[in-house]
Amino acid sequence: MSSRTKSVLKRQRQQAINYDRNLDYKSKMKSLVKKVMSSKDKNEAETLYREAVSIIDNLTSKKILHRNTAARRKSSLTKHVNSLS
């Protein structure tokens, strides 16, 4: 007989699925952050900024990102967008 119970096996399956999903979300967020930081045009940066902040807030509400991490990322994005002229 297996040493692992049904519930443990189910949790392991769920964790694997959630891990992959969360990695995908984080990857999308990081790509958007890089786009904002590399943009030189203020109008383009502002539209990308809104999209990035929306995703960061979404990940925070899903408990994928810690709220302090989210705040730090949004702060650095805001600082960059405000520095553009």
Protein backbone atom coordinates (compact mmCIF):
# COMPACT_ATOMS: atom_id res chain seq x y z
CA MET A 1 0.00 0.00 0.00
CA SER A 2 1.15 3.52 -0.76
CA SER A 3 2.61 5.49 2.10
CA ARG A 4 0.97 8.65 0.79
CA THR A 5 -2.71 9.25 1.29
CA LYS A 6 -5.14 10.33 -1.38
CA SER A 7 -5.29 13.84 0.01
CA VAL A 8 -1.51 14.23 -0.11
CA LEU A 9 -1.40 13.06 -3.72
CA LYS A 10 -4.20 15.48 -4.64
CA ARG A 11 -2.40 18.38 -2.92
CA GLN A 12 0.77 17.56 -4.87
CA ARG A 13 -1.16 17.61 -8.16
CA GLN A 14 -2.76 20.94 -7.25
CA GLN A 15 0.56 22.47 -6.20
CA ALA A 16 2.17 21.53 -9.50
CA ILE A 17 -0.66 23.14 -11.47
CA ASN A 18 -0.69 26.27 -9.30
CA TYR A 19 3.10 26.59 -9.49
CA ASP A 20 3.02 26.59 -13.29
CA ARG A 21 0.13 29.06 -13.39
CA ASN A 22 1.81 31.40 -10.92
CA LEU A 23 5.07 31.30 -12.88
CA ASP A 24 3.17 32.34 -15.98
CA TYR A 25 1.56 35.27 -14.16
CA LYS A 26 4.90 36.40 -12.71
CA SER A 27 6.56 36.15 -16.11
CA LYS A 28 3.88 38.34 -17.65
CA MET A 29 4.33 40.89 -14.87
CA LYS A 30 8.12 40.97 -15.23
CA SER A 31 7.84 41.46 -18.99
CA LEU A 32 5.54 44.42 -18.53
CA VAL A 33 7.82 45.94 -15.90
CA LYS A 34 10.77 45.66 -18.28
CA LYS A 35 8.76 47.29 -21.07
CA VAL A 36 7.86 50.23 -18.83
CA MET A 37 11.43 50.66 -17.62
CA SER A 38 12.87 50.54 -21.14
CA SER A 39 10.37 52.97 -22.68
CA LYS A 40 11.60 56.49 -23.39
CA ASP A 41 8.30 58.02 -24.54
CA LYS A 42 6.16 59.32 -21.68
CA ASN A 43 2.78 58.58 -23.34
CA GLU A 44 3.76 55.02 -24.18
CA ALA A 45 5.23 54.52 -20.70
CA GLU A 46 2.03 55.73 -19.03
CA THR A 47 -0.18 53.27 -20.92
CA LEU A 48 2.22 50.42 -20.15
CA TYR A 49 2.44 51.64 -16.54
CA ARG A 50 -1.33 51.37 -16.05
CA GLU A 51 -1.31 47.85 -17.46
CA ALA A 52 1.65 46.80 -15.29
CA VAL A 53 0.13 48.23 -12.10
CA SER A 54 -3.15 46.48 -12.86
CA ILE A 55 -1.39 43.11 -13.17
CA ILE A 56 0.71 43.74 -10.04
CA ASP A 57 -2.45 44.55 -8.05
CA ASN A 58 -4.15 41.47 -9.46
CA LEU A 59 -1.26 39.22 -8.38
CA THR A 60 -1.27 40.79 -4.94
CA SER A 61 -4.96 40.10 -4.49
CA LYS A 62 -4.38 36.47 -5.52
CA LYS A 63 -1.55 36.25 -2.94
CA ILE A 64 0.99 35.42 -5.65
CA LEU A 65 3.00 38.55 -4.83
CA HIS A 66 3.57 39.88 -1.34
CA ARG A 67 2.01 43.30 -0.81
CA ASN A 68 5.35 44.92 0.09
CA THR A 69 6.95 43.51 -3.05
CA ALA A 70 4.06 44.87 -5.09
CA ALA A 71 4.40 48.28 -3.47
CA ARG A 72 8.14 48.34 -4.16
CA ARG A 73 7.66 47.44 -7.82
CA LYS A 74 4.91 49.99 -8.32
CA SER A 75 7.02 52.64 -6.63
CA SER A 76 9.99 52.07 -8.92
CA LEU A 77 7.71 52.13 -11.98
CA THR A 78 6.09 55.37 -10.82
CA LYS A 79 9.47 56.95 -10.20
CA HIS A 80 10.62 56.01 -13.72
CA VAL A 81 7.46 57.28 -15.44
CA ASN A 82 7.60 60.55 -13.51
CA SER A 83 11.25 61.05 -14.48
CA LEU A 84 10.37 60.99 -18.19
CA SER A 85 9.72 64.34 -19.80
